[in-house]
Amino acid sequence: MTYEFKEDRNSLESANKKFYGNVSVENPIVFEYPRKKDSTYELEVKIEDKSGINLHKSKIKISPAAIESEAN
């Protein structure tokens, strides 16, 4: 899994090809971050299998006024 989490365009956390094992419906990958009322947040995620095949790609932007997301 590769991801980047940003607050007001500043990267707060990221990982490149981080392995998560035992992921399932009962044990999902969960990201939780504290949120400031007037800030804008972005999370971009790409999940690949061990051979490099893209399984999931998504981007979400949460701002004080709206939530925008896209997934492939």
PDB file of N, CA and C in Angstrom:
ATOM      1  N   MET A   1       0.839  -1.168   0.000  1.00  0.00           N
ATOM      2  CA  MET A   1       0.000   0.000   0.000  1.00  0.00           C
ATOM      3  C   MET A   1       0.888   1.237   0.000  1.00  0.00           C
ATOM      4  N   THR A   2       0.532   2.204  -0.834  1.00  0.00           N
ATOM      5  CA  THR A   2       1.196   3.492  -0.877  1.00  0.00           C
ATOM      6  C   THR A   2       0.144   4.545  -0.573  1.00  0.00           C
ATOM      7  N   TYR A   3       0.448   5.463   0.333  1.00  0.00           N
ATOM      8  CA  TYR A   3      -0.529   6.502   0.644  1.00  0.00           C
ATOM      9  C   TYR A   3       0.164   7.782   1.086  1.00  0.00           C
ATOM     10  N   GLU A   4      -0.599   8.868   1.000  1.00  0.00           N
ATOM     11  CA  GLU A   4      -0.138  10.151   1.526  1.00  0.00           C
ATOM     12  C   GLU A   4      -1.340  10.877   2.111  1.00  0.00           C
ATOM     13  N   PHE A   5      -1.179  11.361   3.327  1.00  0.00           N
ATOM     14  CA  PHE A   5      -2.210  12.124   4.019  1.00  0.00           C
ATOM     15  C   PHE A   5      -1.713  13.550   4.197  1.00  0.00           C
ATOM     16  N   LYS A   6      -2.521  14.532   3.762  1.00  0.00           N
ATOM     17  CA  LYS A   6      -2.121  15.939   3.822  1.00  0.00           C
ATOM     18  C   LYS A   6      -3.141  16.760   4.602  1.00  0.00           C
ATOM     19  N   GLU A   7      -2.629  17.759   5.304  1.00  0.00           N
ATOM     20  CA  GLU A   7      -3.462  18.770   5.952  1.00  0.00           C
ATOM     21  C   GLU A   7      -3.052  20.113   5.366  1.00  0.00           C
ATOM     22  N   ASP A   8      -4.001  20.808   4.755  1.00  0.00           N
ATOM     23  CA  ASP A   8      -3.719  22.099   4.129  1.00  0.00           C
ATOM     24  C   ASP A   8      -2.498  22.026   3.204  1.00  0.00           C
ATOM     25  N   ARG A   9      -2.464  20.994   2.377  1.00  0.00           N
ATOM     26  CA  ARG A   9      -1.407  20.728   1.375  1.00  0.00           C
ATOM     27  C   ARG A   9      -0.066  20.306   1.960  1.00  0.00           C
ATOM     28  N   ASN A  10       0.033  20.190   3.275  1.00  0.00           N
ATOM     29  CA  ASN A  10       1.275  19.749   3.916  1.00  0.00           C
ATOM     30  C   ASN A  10       1.172  18.272   4.261  1.00  0.00           C
ATOM     31  N   SER A  11       2.141  17.493   3.837  1.00  0.00           N
ATOM     32  CA  SER A  11       2.136  16.061   4.100  1.00  0.00           C
ATOM     33  C   SER A  11       2.344  15.795   5.592  1.00  0.00           C
ATOM     34  N   LEU A  12       1.406  15.054   6.191  1.00  0.00           N
ATOM     35  CA  LEU A  12       1.512  14.690   7.602  1.00  0.00           C
ATOM     36  C   LEU A  12       2.006  13.258   7.777  1.00  0.00           C
ATOM     37  N   GLU A  13       1.634  12.396   6.828  1.00  0.00           N
ATOM     38  CA  GLU A  13       2.036  10.991   6.919  1.00  0.00           C
ATOM     39  C   GLU A  13       2.000  10.386   5.526  1.00  0.00           C
ATOM     40  N   SER A  14       2.982   9.516   5.256  1.00  0.00           N
ATOM     41  CA  SER A  14       2.997   8.812   3.974  1.00  0.00           C
ATOM     42  C   SER A  14       3.739   7.502   4.129  1.00  0.00           C
ATOM     43  N   ALA A  15       3.484   6.615   3.199  1.00  0.00           N
ATOM     44  CA  ALA A  15       4.180   5.332   3.155  1.00  0.00           C
ATOM     45  C   ALA A  15       4.283   4.908   1.694  1.00  0.00           C
ATOM     46  N   ASN A  16       5.352   4.218   1.364  1.00  0.00           N
ATOM     47  CA  ASN A  16       5.558   3.724   0.013  1.00  0.00           C
ATOM     48  C   ASN A  16       5.700   2.209   0.062  1.00  0.00           C
ATOM     49  N   LYS A  17       4.732   1.533  -0.496  1.00  0.00           N
ATOM     50  CA  LYS A  17       4.711   0.066  -0.573  1.00  0.00           C
ATOM     51  C   LYS A  17       4.785  -0.584   0.807  1.00  0.00           C
ATOM     52  N   LYS A  18       4.015  -0.066   1.742  1.00  0.00           N
ATOM     53  CA  LYS A  18       3.940  -0.630   3.091  1.00  0.00           C
ATOM     54  C   LYS A  18       3.053  -1.878   3.052  1.00  0.00           C
ATOM     55  N   PHE A  19       3.530  -2.942   3.674  1.00  0.00           N
ATOM     56  CA  PHE A  19       2.783  -4.205   3.679  1.00  0.00           C
ATOM     57  C   PHE A  19       1.808  -4.263   4.853  1.00  0.00           C
ATOM     58  N   TYR A  20       0.571  -4.609   4.549  1.00  0.00           N
ATOM     59  CA  TYR A  20      -0.450  -4.867   5.564  1.00  0.00           C
ATOM     60  C   TYR A  20      -0.894  -6.310   5.390  1.00  0.00           C
ATOM     61  N   GLY A  21      -0.773  -7.117   6.446  1.00  0.00           N
ATOM     62  CA  GLY A  21      -1.195  -8.507   6.382  1.00  0.00           C
ATOM     63  C   GLY A  21      -2.518  -8.723   7.092  1.00  0.00           C
ATOM     64  N   ASN A  22      -3.150  -9.839   6.807  1.00  0.00           N
ATOM     65  CA  ASN A  22      -4.409 -10.230   7.450  1.00  0.00           C
ATOM     66  C   ASN A  22      -5.512  -9.191   7.299  1.00  0.00           C
ATOM     67  N   VAL A  23      -5.578  -8.545   6.148  1.00  0.00           N
ATOM     68  CA  VAL A  23      -6.630  -7.569   5.887  1.00  0.00           C
ATOM     69  C   VAL A  23      -7.877  -8.314   5.422  1.00  0.00           C
ATOM     70  N   SER A  24      -9.018  -7.947   6.007  1.00  0.00           N
ATOM     71  CA  SER A  24     -10.291  -8.576   5.650  1.00  0.00           C
ATOM     72  C   SER A  24     -11.423  -7.622   5.996  1.00  0.00           C
ATOM     73  N   VAL A  25     -12.643  -8.044   5.731  1.00  0.00           N
ATOM     74  CA  VAL A  25     -13.809  -7.244   6.111  1.00  0.00           C
ATOM     75  C   VAL A  25     -13.825  -7.048   7.623  1.00  0.00           C
ATOM     76  N   GLU A  26     -13.452  -8.071   8.354  1.00  0.00           N
ATOM     77  CA  GLU A  26     -13.426  -7.999   9.814  1.00  0.00           C
ATOM     78  C   GLU A  26     -12.207  -7.247  10.335  1.00  0.00           C
ATOM     79  N   ASN A  27     -11.155  -7.158   9.534  1.00  0.00           N
ATOM     80  CA  ASN A  27      -9.907  -6.515   9.942  1.00  0.00           C
ATOM     81  C   ASN A  27      -9.426  -5.563   8.840  1.00  0.00           C
ATOM     82  N   PRO A  28     -10.151  -4.457   8.615  1.00  0.00           N
ATOM     83  CA  PRO A  28      -9.786  -3.542   7.516  1.00  0.00           C
ATOM     84  C   PRO A  28      -8.613  -2.640   7.880  1.00  0.00           C
ATOM     85  N   ILE A  29      -8.059  -2.006   6.869  1.00  0.00           N
ATOM     86  CA  ILE A  29      -7.062  -0.964   7.081  1.00  0.00           C
ATOM     87  C   ILE A  29      -7.836   0.303   7.430  1.00  0.00           C
ATOM     88  N   VAL A  30      -7.492   0.926   8.555  1.00  0.00           N
ATOM     89  CA  VAL A  30      -8.217   2.109   9.028  1.00  0.00           C
ATOM     90  C   VAL A  30      -7.223   3.239   9.289  1.00  0.00           C
ATOM     91  N   PHE A  31      -7.545   4.411   8.794  1.00  0.00           N
ATOM     92  CA  PHE A  31      -6.768   5.615   9.072  1.00  0.00           C
ATOM     93  C   PHE A  31      -7.631   6.548   9.904  1.00  0.00           C
ATOM     94  N   GLU A  32      -7.092   7.030  11.012  1.00  0.00           N
ATOM     95  CA  GLU A  32      -7.795   7.995  11.841  1.00  0.00           C
ATOM     96  C   GLU A  32      -6.843   9.135  12.168  1.00  0.00           C
ATOM     97  N   TYR A  33      -7.305  10.336  11.929  1.00  0.00           N
ATOM     98  CA  TYR A  33      -6.499  11.525  12.184  1.00  0.00           C
ATOM     99  C   TYR A  33      -7.363  12.565  12.887  1.00  0.00           C
ATOM    100  N   PRO A  34      -6.779  13.349  13.792  1.00  0.00           N
ATOM    101  CA  PRO A  34      -7.541  14.451  14.382  1.00  0.00           C
ATOM    102  C   PRO A  34      -7.807  15.497  13.296  1.00  0.00           C
ATOM    103  N   ARG A  35      -8.936  16.161  13.412  1.00  0.00           N
ATOM    104  CA  ARG A  35      -9.327  17.120  12.380  1.00  0.00           C
ATOM    105  C   ARG A  35      -9.540  18.506  12.974  1.00  0.00           C
ATOM    106  N   LYS A  36      -8.974  19.496  12.287  1.00  0.00           N
ATOM    107  CA  LYS A  36      -9.172  20.894  12.662  1.00  0.00           C
ATOM    108  C   LYS A  36     -10.341  21.443  11.839  1.00  0.00           C
ATOM    109  N   LYS A  37     -11.169  22.220  12.473  1.00  0.00           N
ATOM    110  CA  LYS A  37     -12.411  22.710  11.882  1.00  0.00           C
ATOM    111  C   LYS A  37     -12.217  23.420  10.537  1.00  0.00           C
ATOM    112  N   ASP A  38     -11.210  24.259  10.401  1.00  0.00           N
ATOM    113  CA  ASP A  38     -11.054  25.074   9.197  1.00  0.00           C
ATOM    114  C   ASP A  38      -9.975  24.573   8.237  1.00  0.00           C
ATOM    115  N   SER A  39      -9.531  23.347   8.403  1.00  0.00           N
ATOM    116  CA  SER A  39      -8.477  22.803   7.545  1.00  0.00           C
ATOM    117  C   SER A  39      -9.051  21.937   6.429  1.00  0.00           C
ATOM    118  N   THR A  40      -8.241  21.750   5.397  1.00  0.00           N
ATOM    119  CA  THR A  40      -8.579  20.876   4.276  1.00  0.00           C
ATOM    120  C   THR A  40      -7.656  19.666   4.325  1.00  0.00           C
ATOM    121  N   TYR A  41      -8.237  18.480   4.142  1.00  0.00           N
ATOM    122  CA  TYR A  41      -7.485  17.225   4.230  1.00  0.00           C
ATOM    123  C   TYR A  41      -7.588  16.457   2.921  1.00  0.00           C
ATOM    124  N   GLU A  42      -6.499  15.774   2.586  1.00  0.00           N
ATOM    125  CA  GLU A  42      -6.464  14.936   1.390  1.00  0.00           C
ATOM    126  C   GLU A  42      -5.804  13.609   1.738  1.00  0.00           C
ATOM    127  N   LEU A  43      -6.372  12.539   1.224  1.00  0.00           N
ATOM    128  CA  LEU A  43      -5.786  11.207   1.378  1.00  0.00           C
ATOM    129  C   LEU A  43      -5.802  10.533   0.022  1.00  0.00           C
ATOM    130  N   GLU A  44      -4.622  10.141  -0.441  1.00  0.00           N
ATOM    131  CA  GLU A  44      -4.485   9.409  -1.697  1.00  0.00           C
ATOM    132  C   GLU A  44      -3.936   8.028  -1.375  1.00  0.00           C
ATOM    133  N   VAL A  45      -4.588   6.995  -1.907  1.00  0.00           N
ATOM    134  CA  VAL A  45      -4.251   5.614  -1.576  1.00  0.00           C
ATOM    135  C   VAL A  45      -4.123   4.784  -2.853  1.00  0.00           C
ATOM    136  N   LYS A  46      -3.112   3.919  -2.876  1.00  0.00           N
ATOM    137  CA  LYS A  46      -2.949   2.945  -3.957  1.00  0.00           C
ATOM    138  C   LYS A  46      -2.595   1.607  -3.318  1.00  0.00           C
ATOM    139  N   ILE A  47      -3.354   0.578  -3.654  1.00  0.00           N
ATOM    140  CA  ILE A  47      -3.103  -0.759  -3.119  1.00  0.00           C
ATOM    141  C   ILE A  47      -2.778  -1.697  -4.275  1.00  0.00           C
ATOM    142  N   GLU A  48      -1.659  -2.394  -4.150  1.00  0.00           N
ATOM    143  CA  GLU A  48      -1.225  -3.365  -5.150  1.00  0.00           C
ATOM    144  C   GLU A  48      -1.047  -4.723  -4.490  1.00  0.00           C
ATOM    145  N   ASP A  49      -1.198  -5.795  -5.286  1.00  0.00           N
ATOM    146  CA  ASP A  49      -0.874  -7.112  -4.742  1.00  0.00           C
ATOM    147  C   ASP A  49       0.639  -7.312  -4.803  1.00  0.00           C
ATOM    148  N   LYS A  50       1.119  -8.458  -4.336  1.00  0.00           N
ATOM    149  CA  LYS A  50       2.565  -8.701  -4.258  1.00  0.00           C
ATOM    150  C   LYS A  50       3.259  -8.667  -5.616  1.00  0.00           C
ATOM    151  N   SER A  51       2.516  -8.929  -6.695  1.00  0.00           N
ATOM    152  CA  SER A  51       3.123  -8.913  -8.025  1.00  0.00           C
ATOM    153  C   SER A  51       3.033  -7.543  -8.686  1.00  0.00           C
ATOM    154  N   GLY A  52       2.461  -6.555  -7.996  1.00  0.00           N
ATOM    155  CA  GLY A  52       2.405  -5.196  -8.522  1.00  0.00           C
ATOM    156  C   GLY A  52       1.133  -4.845  -9.268  1.00  0.00           C
ATOM    157  N   ILE A  53       0.151  -5.744  -9.259  1.00  0.00           N
ATOM    158  CA  ILE A  53      -1.120  -5.466  -9.936  1.00  0.00           C
ATOM    159  C   ILE A  53      -1.948  -4.520  -9.063  1.00  0.00           C
ATOM    160  N   ASN A  54      -2.455  -3.454  -9.694  1.00  0.00           N
ATOM    161  CA  ASN A  54      -3.247  -2.458  -8.983  1.00  0.00           C
ATOM    162  C   ASN A  54      -4.601  -3.037  -8.569  1.00  0.00           C
ATOM    163  N   LEU A  55      -4.873  -3.044  -7.274  1.00  0.00           N
ATOM    164  CA  LEU A  55      -6.148  -3.543  -6.753  1.00  0.00           C
ATOM    165  C   LEU A  55      -7.115  -2.421  -6.418  1.00  0.00           C
ATOM    166  N   HIS A  56      -6.572  -1.270  -6.042  1.00  0.00           N
ATOM    167  CA  HIS A  56      -7.427  -0.152  -5.624  1.00  0.00           C
ATOM    168  C   HIS A  56      -6.634   1.143  -5.713  1.00  0.00           C
ATOM    169  N   LYS A  57      -7.312   2.199  -6.145  1.00  0.00           N
ATOM    170  CA  LYS A  57      -6.710   3.524  -6.168  1.00  0.00           C
ATOM    171  C   LYS A  57      -7.823   4.513  -5.856  1.00  0.00           C
ATOM    172  N   SER A  58      -7.593   5.386  -4.884  1.00  0.00           N
ATOM    173  CA  SER A  58      -8.610   6.372  -4.546  1.00  0.00           C
ATOM    174  C   SER A  58      -7.988   7.638  -4.002  1.00  0.00           C
ATOM    175  N   LYS A  59      -8.784   8.694  -4.024  1.00  0.00           N
ATOM    176  CA  LYS A  59      -8.363   9.994  -3.528  1.00  0.00           C
ATOM    177  C   LYS A  59      -9.592  10.640  -2.894  1.00  0.00           C
ATOM    178  N   ILE A  60      -9.412  11.221  -1.718  1.00  0.00           N
ATOM    179  CA  ILE A  60     -10.500  11.931  -1.065  1.00  0.00           C
ATOM    180  C   ILE A  60      -9.975  13.264  -0.556  1.00  0.00           C
ATOM    181  N   LYS A  61     -10.823  14.278  -0.683  1.00  0.00           N
ATOM    182  CA  LYS A  61     -10.494  15.610  -0.191  1.00  0.00           C
ATOM    183  C   LYS A  61     -11.649  16.073   0.688  1.00  0.00           C
ATOM    184  N   ILE A  62     -11.325  16.439   1.917  1.00  0.00           N
ATOM    185  CA  ILE A  62     -12.334  16.902   2.866  1.00  0.00           C
ATOM    186  C   ILE A  62     -11.981  18.333   3.247  1.00  0.00           C
ATOM    187  N   SER A  63     -12.875  19.251   2.923  1.00  0.00           N
ATOM    188  CA  SER A  63     -12.657  20.657   3.250  1.00  0.00           C
ATOM    189  C   SER A  63     -13.806  21.120   4.149  1.00  0.00           C
ATOM    190  N   PRO A  64     -13.680  22.295   4.745  1.00  0.00           N
ATOM    191  CA  PRO A  64     -14.758  22.774   5.596  1.00  0.00           C
ATOM    192  C   PRO A  64     -16.120  22.830   4.889  1.00  0.00           C
ATOM    193  N   ALA A  65     -16.117  22.989   3.558  1.00  0.00           N
ATOM    194  CA  ALA A  65     -17.375  23.143   2.834  1.00  0.00           C
ATOM    195  C   ALA A  65     -17.853  21.884   2.115  1.00  0.00           C
ATOM    196  N   ALA A  66     -16.949  20.921   1.814  1.00  0.00           N
ATOM    197  CA  ALA A  66     -17.357  19.792   0.956  1.00  0.00           C
ATOM    198  C   ALA A  66     -16.444  18.590   1.124  1.00  0.00           C
ATOM    199  N   ILE A  67     -16.956  17.440   0.647  1.00  0.00           N
ATOM    200  CA  ILE A  67     -16.173  16.207   0.563  1.00  0.00           C
ATOM    201  C   ILE A  67     -16.180  15.771  -0.890  1.00  0.00           C
ATOM    202  N   GLU A  68     -14.997  15.559  -1.452  1.00  0.00           N
ATOM    203  CA  GLU A  68     -14.858  15.088  -2.824  1.00  0.00           C
ATOM    204  C   GLU A  68     -14.081  13.781  -2.800  1.00  0.00           C
ATOM    205  N   SER A  69     -14.517  12.798  -3.561  1.00  0.00           N
ATOM    206  CA  SER A  69     -13.761  11.549  -3.618  1.00  0.00           C
ATOM    207  C   SER A  69     -13.870  10.934  -4.998  1.00  0.00           C
ATOM    208  N   GLU A  70     -12.866  10.106  -5.314  1.00  0.00           N
ATOM    209  CA  GLU A  70     -12.879   9.322  -6.536  1.00  0.00           C
ATOM    210  C   GLU A  70     -12.139   8.032  -6.247  1.00  0.00           C
ATOM    211  N   ALA A  71     -12.628   6.958  -6.855  1.00  0.00           N
ATOM    212  CA  ALA A  71     -11.998   5.651  -6.666  1.00  0.00           C
ATOM    213  C   ALA A  71     -11.990   4.914  -7.999  1.00  0.00           C
ATOM    214  N   ASN A  72     -10.965   4.092  -8.154  1.00  0.00           N
ATOM    215  CA  ASN A  72     -10.845   3.242  -9.344  1.00  0.00           C
ATOM    216  C   ASN A  72     -10.782   1.805  -8.904  1.00  0.00           C
TER     217      ASN A  72
END
